[in-house]
N, C-alpha and C. Protein backbone atom coordinates (compact mmCIF):
# COMPACT_ATOMS: atom_id res chain seq x y z
N MET A 1 103.77 92.97 110.76
CA MET A 1 103.82 91.80 109.91
C MET A 1 103.05 92.20 108.54
N ALA A 2 101.78 92.77 108.61
CA ALA A 2 101.05 93.16 107.38
C ALA A 2 101.83 94.31 106.70
N ILE A 3 102.42 95.20 107.35
CA ILE A 3 103.14 96.26 106.72
C ILE A 3 104.29 95.70 105.85
N LYS A 4 105.00 94.79 106.39
CA LYS A 4 106.15 94.03 105.77
C LYS A 4 105.75 93.43 104.53
N ARG A 5 104.54 92.73 104.55
CA ARG A 5 103.99 92.05 103.48
C ARG A 5 103.61 93.01 102.37
N ILE A 6 102.90 94.12 102.80
CA ILE A 6 102.48 95.17 101.81
C ILE A 6 103.77 95.77 101.08
N THR A 7 104.74 96.06 101.76
CA THR A 7 105.93 96.66 101.26
C THR A 7 106.69 95.66 100.27
N THR A 8 106.77 94.37 100.65
CA THR A 8 107.34 93.45 99.82
C THR A 8 106.57 93.20 98.44
N LEU A 9 105.22 93.04 98.64
CA LEU A 9 104.45 92.85 97.47
C LEU A 9 104.32 94.07 96.48
N THR A 10 104.42 95.26 97.18
CA THR A 10 104.38 96.51 96.37
C THR A 10 105.67 96.54 95.54
N ALA A 11 106.80 96.22 96.21
CA ALA A 11 108.12 96.30 95.58
C ALA A 11 108.13 95.26 94.36
N VAL A 12 107.61 94.08 94.55
CA VAL A 12 107.51 93.03 93.46
C VAL A 12 106.67 93.59 92.36
N ALA A 13 105.46 94.00 92.64
CA ALA A 13 104.59 94.59 91.64
C ALA A 13 105.28 95.74 90.92
N PHE A 14 105.96 96.63 91.60
CA PHE A 14 106.59 97.75 91.00
C PHE A 14 107.65 97.23 90.05
N VAL A 15 108.53 96.32 90.40
CA VAL A 15 109.62 95.76 89.45
C VAL A 15 108.89 95.17 88.21
N LEU A 16 107.84 94.42 88.59
CA LEU A 16 107.15 93.69 87.31
C LEU A 16 106.54 94.69 86.42
N GLY A 17 106.04 95.87 87.00
CA GLY A 17 105.29 96.81 86.13
C GLY A 17 106.19 97.78 85.49
N ILE A 18 107.26 98.19 86.13
CA ILE A 18 108.10 99.24 85.52
C ILE A 18 109.31 98.78 84.89
N GLY A 19 109.71 97.53 85.18
CA GLY A 19 111.11 96.97 84.78
C GLY A 19 111.13 96.66 83.28
N THR A 20 110.06 96.86 82.53
CA THR A 20 110.10 96.63 81.09
C THR A 20 110.00 97.91 80.28
N SER A 21 110.03 97.76 78.96
CA SER A 21 110.11 99.03 78.14
C SER A 21 108.88 99.87 78.45
N MET A 22 109.14 101.18 78.62
CA MET A 22 108.15 102.20 78.92
C MET A 22 107.88 103.15 77.56
N ALA A 23 108.52 102.72 76.51
CA ALA A 23 108.39 103.54 75.34
C ALA A 23 107.12 103.29 74.52
N GLN A 24 106.33 102.33 74.92
CA GLN A 24 105.18 102.01 74.07
C GLN A 24 103.95 102.69 74.54
N ALA A 25 103.96 104.04 74.22
CA ALA A 25 102.84 104.99 74.70
C ALA A 25 101.48 104.48 74.20
N ALA A 26 101.35 103.73 73.18
CA ALA A 26 100.10 103.25 72.70
C ALA A 26 99.48 102.29 73.63
N ASP A 27 100.31 101.71 74.54
CA ASP A 27 99.71 100.75 75.47
C ASP A 27 98.98 101.43 76.70
N GLN A 28 99.07 102.69 76.74
CA GLN A 28 98.61 103.45 77.95
C GLN A 28 97.04 103.68 77.64
N GLY A 29 96.33 103.84 78.82
CA GLY A 29 94.89 104.13 78.57
C GLY A 29 94.02 103.45 79.56
N GLY A 30 92.70 103.62 79.49
CA GLY A 30 91.80 102.89 80.29
C GLY A 30 91.34 101.66 79.78
N TYR A 31 90.68 100.71 80.66
CA TYR A 31 90.11 99.52 80.33
C TYR A 31 89.13 99.08 81.36
N LEU A 32 88.20 98.20 80.84
CA LEU A 32 87.11 97.64 81.68
C LEU A 32 87.14 96.09 81.63
N GLY A 33 86.66 95.43 82.58
CA GLY A 33 86.79 94.04 82.62
C GLY A 33 85.68 93.40 83.46
N VAL A 34 85.42 92.19 83.14
CA VAL A 34 84.47 91.32 83.97
C VAL A 34 85.21 90.00 84.14
N GLY A 35 85.00 89.36 85.31
CA GLY A 35 85.60 88.12 85.56
C GLY A 35 84.67 87.19 86.30
N LEU A 36 84.87 85.93 86.18
CA LEU A 36 84.00 84.86 86.86
C LEU A 36 84.88 83.66 87.13
N GLY A 37 84.67 83.12 88.37
CA GLY A 37 85.40 82.06 88.78
C GLY A 37 84.94 81.45 90.14
N GLN A 38 85.85 80.79 90.82
CA GLN A 38 85.44 80.06 92.01
C GLN A 38 86.13 80.69 93.24
N SER A 39 85.36 80.90 94.28
CA SER A 39 85.92 81.43 95.49
C SER A 39 85.94 80.31 96.61
N LYS A 40 86.83 80.38 97.48
CA LYS A 40 86.91 79.41 98.53
C LYS A 40 87.54 80.05 99.88
N VAL A 41 86.75 79.91 100.92
CA VAL A 41 87.07 80.37 102.24
C VAL A 41 88.02 79.26 102.85
N LYS A 42 89.28 79.71 103.29
CA LYS A 42 90.12 78.85 103.86
C LYS A 42 89.75 78.58 105.33
N GLY A 43 89.83 77.30 105.65
CA GLY A 43 89.42 76.95 107.02
C GLY A 43 88.01 77.17 107.42
N ALA A 44 87.04 77.42 106.60
CA ALA A 44 85.75 77.72 106.92
C ALA A 44 85.02 76.43 107.45
N CYS A 45 85.40 75.25 107.07
CA CYS A 45 84.73 73.99 107.51
C CYS A 45 85.03 73.43 108.84
N GLU A 46 86.05 74.19 109.59
CA GLU A 46 86.51 73.57 110.88
C GLU A 46 85.14 73.66 111.82
N GLY A 47 84.87 72.56 112.54
CA GLY A 47 83.68 72.44 113.34
C GLY A 47 82.48 72.16 112.84
N PHE A 48 82.33 72.05 111.47
CA PHE A 48 81.16 71.78 110.88
C PHE A 48 81.21 70.22 110.39
N THR A 49 79.94 69.52 110.43
CA THR A 49 79.97 68.10 109.94
C THR A 49 79.57 68.24 108.33
N SER A 50 79.00 69.23 108.03
CA SER A 50 78.60 69.42 106.54
C SER A 50 78.96 70.85 106.23
N CYS A 51 79.64 71.02 105.12
CA CYS A 51 80.13 72.33 104.80
C CYS A 51 80.38 72.54 103.23
N ASP A 52 80.00 73.74 102.75
CA ASP A 52 80.23 74.15 101.46
C ASP A 52 81.06 75.46 101.46
N ASP A 53 82.44 75.35 101.31
CA ASP A 53 83.22 76.48 101.47
C ASP A 53 83.58 77.09 100.05
N THR A 54 82.92 76.71 99.00
CA THR A 54 83.18 77.28 97.76
C THR A 54 81.92 77.84 97.13
N ASP A 55 82.06 78.76 96.20
CA ASP A 55 80.95 79.38 95.42
C ASP A 55 81.48 80.05 94.31
N THR A 56 80.57 80.57 93.47
CA THR A 56 80.94 81.45 92.33
C THR A 56 81.32 82.87 92.83
N GLY A 57 82.35 83.27 92.19
CA GLY A 57 82.81 84.63 92.55
C GLY A 57 82.82 85.41 91.27
N VAL A 58 82.35 86.71 91.42
CA VAL A 58 82.30 87.60 90.25
C VAL A 58 83.07 88.94 90.51
N LYS A 59 83.78 89.39 89.51
CA LYS A 59 84.55 90.51 89.69
C LYS A 59 84.21 91.51 88.38
N LEU A 60 83.92 92.77 88.67
CA LEU A 60 83.73 93.84 87.69
C LEU A 60 84.76 94.86 88.06
N PHE A 61 85.55 95.30 87.08
CA PHE A 61 86.62 96.19 87.38
C PHE A 61 86.88 97.12 86.17
N GLY A 62 87.61 98.23 86.48
CA GLY A 62 88.04 99.12 85.59
C GLY A 62 89.45 99.68 86.02
N GLY A 63 90.28 100.12 85.00
CA GLY A 63 91.59 100.47 85.41
C GLY A 63 92.17 101.51 84.41
N TYR A 64 93.23 102.13 84.84
CA TYR A 64 94.03 102.97 83.97
C TYR A 64 95.41 102.65 83.97
N GLN A 65 96.01 102.28 82.72
CA GLN A 65 97.34 101.83 82.55
C GLN A 65 98.11 103.20 82.30
N PHE A 66 98.86 103.58 83.30
CA PHE A 66 99.58 104.86 83.20
C PHE A 66 100.93 104.80 82.63
N VAL A 67 101.49 103.62 82.48
CA VAL A 67 102.69 103.37 81.67
C VAL A 67 102.42 101.87 81.06
N PRO A 68 103.18 101.42 80.05
CA PRO A 68 102.87 100.24 79.38
C PRO A 68 102.60 99.07 80.33
N ASN A 69 103.32 98.93 81.34
CA ASN A 69 103.27 97.73 82.15
C ASN A 69 102.88 97.92 83.62
N ALA A 70 102.23 98.94 83.91
CA ALA A 70 101.58 99.29 85.22
C ALA A 70 100.23 100.04 85.16
N ALA A 71 99.34 99.58 86.04
CA ALA A 71 98.07 100.15 86.09
C ALA A 71 97.58 100.27 87.50
N VAL A 72 96.55 101.10 87.65
CA VAL A 72 95.76 101.15 88.85
C VAL A 72 94.37 100.68 88.53
N GLU A 73 93.90 99.79 89.45
CA GLU A 73 92.61 99.13 89.08
C GLU A 73 91.59 99.21 90.36
N ILE A 74 90.42 99.46 90.02
CA ILE A 74 89.29 99.55 90.95
C ILE A 74 88.31 98.51 90.60
N GLY A 75 87.89 97.62 91.55
CA GLY A 75 86.89 96.53 91.09
C GLY A 75 85.95 96.30 92.30
N TYR A 76 84.76 95.81 91.91
CA TYR A 76 83.71 95.25 92.85
C TYR A 76 83.79 93.69 92.72
N ILE A 77 83.90 93.06 93.87
CA ILE A 77 84.03 91.67 93.94
C ILE A 77 82.91 91.04 94.78
N ASN A 78 82.12 90.12 94.36
CA ASN A 78 81.23 89.31 95.02
C ASN A 78 81.82 87.92 95.22
N LEU A 79 82.13 87.59 96.46
CA LEU A 79 82.81 86.33 96.80
C LEU A 79 81.82 85.15 97.02
N GLY A 80 80.59 85.46 96.91
CA GLY A 80 79.63 84.32 96.92
C GLY A 80 79.11 84.03 98.45
N LYS A 81 78.59 82.88 98.61
CA LYS A 81 77.95 82.38 99.77
C LYS A 81 78.61 81.13 100.30
N PHE A 82 78.86 81.03 101.71
CA PHE A 82 79.38 79.90 102.27
C PHE A 82 78.51 79.35 103.38
N LYS A 83 78.36 78.03 103.50
CA LYS A 83 77.37 77.44 104.32
C LYS A 83 77.91 76.30 105.09
N GLY A 84 77.62 76.23 106.47
CA GLY A 84 78.20 75.00 107.27
C GLY A 84 77.19 74.61 108.26
N THR A 85 76.95 73.35 108.48
CA THR A 85 75.92 72.76 109.50
C THR A 85 76.73 71.86 110.44
N ASP A 86 76.54 72.16 111.71
CA ASP A 86 77.19 71.14 112.73
C ASP A 86 76.30 69.93 113.03
N SER A 87 76.73 69.18 113.87
CA SER A 87 76.10 67.85 114.31
C SER A 87 74.74 68.13 114.84
N GLY A 88 74.45 69.18 115.48
CA GLY A 88 73.29 69.52 116.22
C GLY A 88 72.29 70.13 115.26
N GLY A 89 72.64 70.37 114.03
CA GLY A 89 71.73 70.93 112.99
C GLY A 89 71.76 72.51 112.90
N PHE A 90 72.75 73.03 113.68
CA PHE A 90 72.86 74.52 113.59
C PHE A 90 73.56 74.84 112.30
N THR A 91 72.91 75.73 111.50
CA THR A 91 73.43 76.17 110.13
C THR A 91 73.91 77.52 110.20
N LEU A 92 75.08 77.85 109.68
CA LEU A 92 75.69 79.15 109.59
C LEU A 92 75.88 79.43 108.06
N GLU A 93 75.57 80.64 107.64
CA GLU A 93 75.80 81.10 106.30
C GLU A 93 76.41 82.45 106.21
N SER A 94 77.42 82.53 105.28
CA SER A 94 77.94 83.94 105.21
C SER A 94 78.14 84.30 103.76
N LYS A 95 78.03 85.61 103.55
CA LYS A 95 78.15 86.32 102.25
C LYS A 95 79.08 87.38 102.29
N SER A 96 79.99 87.42 101.32
CA SER A 96 81.17 88.45 101.30
C SER A 96 81.23 89.13 99.99
N HIS A 97 81.40 90.46 100.17
CA HIS A 97 81.58 91.25 98.93
C HIS A 97 82.36 92.49 99.28
N GLY A 98 82.84 93.27 98.29
CA GLY A 98 83.47 94.58 98.55
C GLY A 98 84.16 95.12 97.35
N PHE A 99 84.98 96.17 97.54
CA PHE A 99 85.64 96.83 96.51
C PHE A 99 87.22 96.81 96.79
N ASP A 100 87.97 96.68 95.66
CA ASP A 100 89.31 96.62 95.86
C ASP A 100 90.00 97.78 95.02
N VAL A 101 91.09 98.25 95.51
CA VAL A 101 91.92 99.25 94.68
C VAL A 101 93.32 98.67 94.72
N ASP A 102 93.85 98.31 93.52
CA ASP A 102 95.12 97.59 93.34
C ASP A 102 95.96 98.34 92.37
N PHE A 103 97.26 98.07 92.67
CA PHE A 103 98.35 98.42 91.72
C PHE A 103 98.57 97.08 90.95
N VAL A 104 98.37 97.19 89.71
CA VAL A 104 98.66 95.98 88.75
C VAL A 104 99.88 96.12 87.82
N GLY A 105 100.83 95.18 87.96
CA GLY A 105 102.04 95.22 87.12
C GLY A 105 102.00 94.07 86.27
N THR A 106 102.61 94.16 84.94
CA THR A 106 102.63 93.08 84.09
C THR A 106 104.13 93.01 83.56
N LEU A 107 104.56 91.82 83.20
CA LEU A 107 105.89 91.58 82.73
C LEU A 107 105.62 90.80 81.45
N PRO A 108 105.87 91.42 80.22
CA PRO A 108 105.61 90.64 79.00
C PRO A 108 106.54 89.61 78.86
N LEU A 109 105.94 88.33 78.27
CA LEU A 109 106.88 87.20 77.93
C LEU A 109 107.13 87.16 76.47
N ASN A 110 106.15 87.59 75.69
CA ASN A 110 106.28 87.81 74.24
C ASN A 110 105.27 88.81 73.68
N ASP A 111 104.85 88.91 72.46
CA ASP A 111 103.92 89.81 71.99
C ASP A 111 102.51 89.53 72.51
N GLN A 112 102.15 88.40 72.86
CA GLN A 112 100.79 88.05 73.34
C GLN A 112 100.58 87.67 74.80
N PHE A 113 101.70 87.11 75.37
CA PHE A 113 101.54 86.69 76.85
C PHE A 113 102.32 87.56 77.74
N ALA A 114 101.74 87.71 79.08
CA ALA A 114 102.42 88.42 80.01
C ALA A 114 102.09 87.82 81.37
N VAL A 115 102.93 88.02 82.41
CA VAL A 115 102.74 87.63 83.75
C VAL A 115 102.18 88.81 84.52
N LEU A 116 101.17 88.69 85.28
CA LEU A 116 100.55 89.81 86.09
C LEU A 116 100.64 89.53 87.53
N ALA A 117 101.00 90.70 88.23
CA ALA A 117 100.90 90.68 89.73
C ALA A 117 100.17 91.78 90.25
N ARG A 118 99.49 91.67 91.30
CA ARG A 118 98.66 92.69 91.94
C ARG A 118 98.82 92.88 93.43
N VAL A 119 98.71 94.04 93.96
CA VAL A 119 98.68 94.22 95.37
C VAL A 119 97.82 95.52 95.60
N GLY A 120 97.03 95.45 96.77
CA GLY A 120 96.11 96.48 97.01
C GLY A 120 95.41 96.36 98.36
N MET A 121 94.34 97.07 98.36
CA MET A 121 93.38 97.02 99.61
C MET A 121 92.07 96.49 99.15
N PHE A 122 91.42 95.69 100.07
CA PHE A 122 90.05 95.25 99.80
C PHE A 122 89.15 95.86 100.98
N PHE A 123 88.12 96.56 100.55
CA PHE A 123 87.16 97.12 101.52
C PHE A 123 85.93 96.21 101.50
N TRP A 124 85.81 95.47 102.50
CA TRP A 124 84.76 94.37 102.43
C TRP A 124 83.73 94.52 103.50
N LYS A 125 82.63 93.61 103.14
CA LYS A 125 81.51 93.50 104.07
C LYS A 125 81.17 92.04 104.09
N VAL A 126 81.02 91.46 105.25
CA VAL A 126 80.46 90.03 105.45
C VAL A 126 79.15 90.08 106.31
N ASP A 127 78.18 89.42 105.62
CA ASP A 127 76.89 89.26 106.24
C ASP A 127 76.77 87.77 106.79
N LEU A 128 76.38 87.62 108.03
CA LEU A 128 76.30 86.19 108.62
C LEU A 128 74.98 86.00 109.17
N SER A 129 74.40 84.88 108.97
CA SER A 129 73.15 84.55 109.40
C SER A 129 73.06 82.97 109.75
N GLY A 130 72.09 82.61 110.53
CA GLY A 130 71.93 81.13 110.87
C GLY A 130 70.71 80.94 111.52
N ASN A 131 70.33 79.68 111.66
CA ASN A 131 69.06 79.37 112.34
C ASN A 131 69.21 79.49 113.91
N GLY A 132 68.46 80.26 114.47
CA GLY A 132 68.43 80.43 115.92
C GLY A 132 69.32 81.67 116.42
N VAL A 133 70.01 82.36 115.45
CA VAL A 133 70.84 83.47 115.82
C VAL A 133 70.39 84.70 115.04
N ALA A 134 70.66 85.87 115.63
CA ALA A 134 70.36 87.12 114.87
C ALA A 134 71.44 87.33 113.83
N SER A 135 71.06 87.84 112.66
CA SER A 135 71.96 88.15 111.62
C SER A 135 73.02 89.24 112.10
N GLN A 136 74.29 89.11 111.64
CA GLN A 136 75.44 89.94 112.00
C GLN A 136 75.96 90.48 110.69
N SER A 137 76.71 91.47 110.71
CA SER A 137 77.49 92.11 109.73
C SER A 137 78.81 92.46 110.19
N GLY A 138 79.82 92.41 109.41
CA GLY A 138 81.10 92.98 109.69
C GLY A 138 81.69 93.64 108.48
N SER A 139 82.49 94.62 108.69
CA SER A 139 83.15 95.21 107.53
C SER A 139 84.51 95.75 107.96
N GLY A 140 85.43 96.01 107.01
CA GLY A 140 86.69 96.43 107.26
C GLY A 140 87.51 96.52 105.94
N ASN A 141 88.82 96.68 106.04
CA ASN A 141 89.63 96.70 104.98
C ASN A 141 90.95 95.86 105.27
N ASP A 142 91.47 95.27 104.25
CA ASP A 142 92.75 94.45 104.51
C ASP A 142 93.39 94.25 103.17
N LEU A 143 94.45 93.66 103.18
CA LEU A 143 95.42 93.44 102.08
C LEU A 143 94.68 92.46 101.11
N THR A 144 95.02 92.66 99.77
CA THR A 144 94.71 91.75 98.66
C THR A 144 95.86 91.64 97.87
N TYR A 145 96.09 90.52 97.27
CA TYR A 145 97.25 90.40 96.26
C TYR A 145 96.90 89.17 95.37
N GLY A 146 97.66 89.12 94.26
CA GLY A 146 97.42 87.93 93.37
C GLY A 146 98.36 87.96 92.24
N LEU A 147 98.28 86.92 91.46
CA LEU A 147 99.19 86.54 90.40
C LEU A 147 98.34 86.16 89.26
N GLY A 148 98.79 86.21 87.97
CA GLY A 148 98.05 85.75 86.91
C GLY A 148 98.77 85.78 85.62
N LEU A 149 98.15 85.28 84.48
CA LEU A 149 98.61 85.27 83.23
C LEU A 149 97.77 86.15 82.26
N VAL A 150 98.29 86.81 81.38
CA VAL A 150 97.36 87.74 80.48
C VAL A 150 97.77 87.19 79.07
N TYR A 151 96.68 87.05 78.21
CA TYR A 151 96.80 86.69 76.81
C TYR A 151 96.04 87.93 75.99
N ASP A 152 96.79 88.48 75.13
CA ASP A 152 96.23 89.57 74.35
C ASP A 152 95.72 88.96 73.02
N VAL A 153 94.33 88.99 73.06
CA VAL A 153 93.60 88.42 71.93
C VAL A 153 93.86 89.40 70.70
N SER A 154 93.80 90.70 70.94
CA SER A 154 94.01 91.66 70.00
C SER A 154 94.40 92.92 70.62
N LYS A 155 94.69 94.06 69.92
CA LYS A 155 94.98 95.34 70.69
C LYS A 155 94.05 95.85 71.64
N LYS A 156 92.78 95.43 71.49
CA LYS A 156 91.76 95.95 72.25
C LYS A 156 91.08 95.02 73.30
N VAL A 157 91.39 93.71 73.12
CA VAL A 157 90.85 92.64 73.94
C VAL A 157 91.94 91.72 74.49
N SER A 158 91.78 91.53 75.90
CA SER A 158 92.77 90.49 76.57
C SER A 158 91.96 89.51 77.35
N VAL A 159 92.46 88.32 77.70
CA VAL A 159 91.96 87.39 78.53
C VAL A 159 92.95 87.17 79.66
N ARG A 160 92.49 87.26 80.84
CA ARG A 160 93.24 87.00 82.17
C ARG A 160 92.87 85.67 82.85
N PHE A 161 93.78 85.03 83.40
CA PHE A 161 93.65 83.91 84.22
C PHE A 161 94.43 84.28 85.59
N GLU A 162 93.62 84.48 86.63
CA GLU A 162 94.21 84.99 87.89
C GLU A 162 93.81 84.22 89.22
N TRP A 163 94.67 84.25 90.10
CA TRP A 163 94.35 83.84 91.49
C TRP A 163 94.60 85.14 92.28
N GLN A 164 93.60 85.43 93.17
CA GLN A 164 93.63 86.48 94.12
C GLN A 164 93.24 86.12 95.46
N GLN A 165 93.91 86.56 96.46
CA GLN A 165 93.60 86.32 97.93
C GLN A 165 93.17 87.60 98.59
N PHE A 166 92.11 87.44 99.42
CA PHE A 166 91.50 88.51 100.26
C PHE A 166 91.73 88.22 101.63
N LYS A 167 92.48 89.03 102.44
CA LYS A 167 92.91 88.62 103.70
C LYS A 167 91.88 89.08 104.85
N ASP A 168 91.72 88.19 105.86
CA ASP A 168 91.13 88.48 107.12
C ASP A 168 89.67 89.10 107.08
N LEU A 169 88.78 88.35 106.35
CA LEU A 169 87.40 88.68 106.33
C LEU A 169 86.69 88.03 107.48
N GLY A 170 85.69 88.76 108.19
CA GLY A 170 85.06 88.12 109.21
C GLY A 170 83.97 89.00 109.89
N VAL A 171 83.50 88.52 110.92
CA VAL A 171 82.39 89.27 111.75
C VAL A 171 83.01 89.36 113.20
N LYS A 172 82.62 90.21 113.84
CA LYS A 172 83.14 90.48 115.25
C LYS A 172 82.94 89.12 116.15
N ASP A 173 83.86 88.95 117.00
CA ASP A 173 83.94 87.81 117.84
C ASP A 173 84.09 86.45 117.18
N LEU A 174 84.24 86.29 115.84
CA LEU A 174 84.47 85.09 115.24
C LEU A 174 85.85 85.16 114.59
N PRO A 175 86.59 84.09 114.37
CA PRO A 175 87.87 84.22 113.71
C PRO A 175 87.75 84.65 112.22
N THR A 176 88.74 85.47 111.79
CA THR A 176 88.74 86.00 110.52
C THR A 176 89.21 84.79 109.52
N LYS A 177 88.88 84.93 108.23
CA LYS A 177 89.28 83.93 107.24
C LYS A 177 89.71 84.58 106.06
N ASP A 178 90.75 83.95 105.49
CA ASP A 178 91.32 84.36 104.11
C ASP A 178 90.35 83.79 103.01
N THR A 179 90.17 84.37 102.00
CA THR A 179 89.31 83.88 100.83
C THR A 179 90.17 84.05 99.58
N ASP A 180 90.17 82.91 98.83
CA ASP A 180 90.81 82.88 97.52
C ASP A 180 89.75 83.04 96.46
N LEU A 181 90.18 83.59 95.30
CA LEU A 181 89.40 83.56 94.15
C LEU A 181 90.12 83.28 92.91
N LEU A 182 89.86 82.17 92.32
CA LEU A 182 90.55 81.76 91.08
C LEU A 182 89.53 82.00 89.96
N PHE A 183 89.92 82.90 88.93
CA PHE A 183 88.97 83.30 87.98
C PHE A 183 89.57 83.61 86.67
N ALA A 184 88.73 83.68 85.65
CA ALA A 184 89.18 84.12 84.22
C ALA A 184 88.40 85.39 84.00
N SER A 185 88.97 86.28 83.21
CA SER A 185 88.30 87.68 83.01
C SER A 185 88.61 88.13 81.54
N MET A 186 87.63 88.90 81.06
CA MET A 186 87.88 89.44 79.67
C MET A 186 88.14 91.05 79.98
N VAL A 187 89.12 91.56 79.28
CA VAL A 187 89.50 92.95 79.48
C VAL A 187 89.29 93.64 78.26
N PHE A 188 88.70 94.80 78.15
CA PHE A 188 88.42 95.57 77.00
C PHE A 188 89.10 96.96 77.05
N ARG A 189 90.07 97.25 76.26
CA ARG A 189 90.73 98.62 76.30
C ARG A 189 89.73 99.62 75.78
N ILE A 190 89.76 100.76 76.31
CA ILE A 190 88.92 101.91 75.90
C ILE A 190 89.65 103.12 75.47
N ASN A 191 90.99 102.99 75.16
CA ASN A 191 91.75 104.15 74.76
C ASN A 191 91.62 104.28 73.24
């Protein structure tokens, strides 16, 4: 199932990235970016009487645009902290972060706006703690993908508005959860 999703998303990102003009060599080169937004763990509040399943998410990234509408991107993502308390007063808290490697494709809508699609792998770590239990950690890698809109402020600066999902984060013996990040970022071209 995961292989089928990866193949489909890769094909969509490839079409979005390569399906437009490749003659604009000036659009190639490196870039750096920083993003800030809200993360949300899907289904995290099940079984808790009090729960906070959202937090601030931060993303730092860099990439190389090898053709005008396709790039490879590497980023560090901190998805924040999530906390739940059950009726007996037991509190559980988790923190998630990691690195992603993505293929990013864009489809220009006009001279300043473009649609963005991404697909890649997220190499994650989750730290879990609670009152009365020993702290636990889990790590792994899984699929990440997303969609967004890009606005070119100038030839060197862009603003992105994106949604990105990180699949199956968790700690051994507990159900894994998907986490969404809705964020805005500034991108600075360095070519």
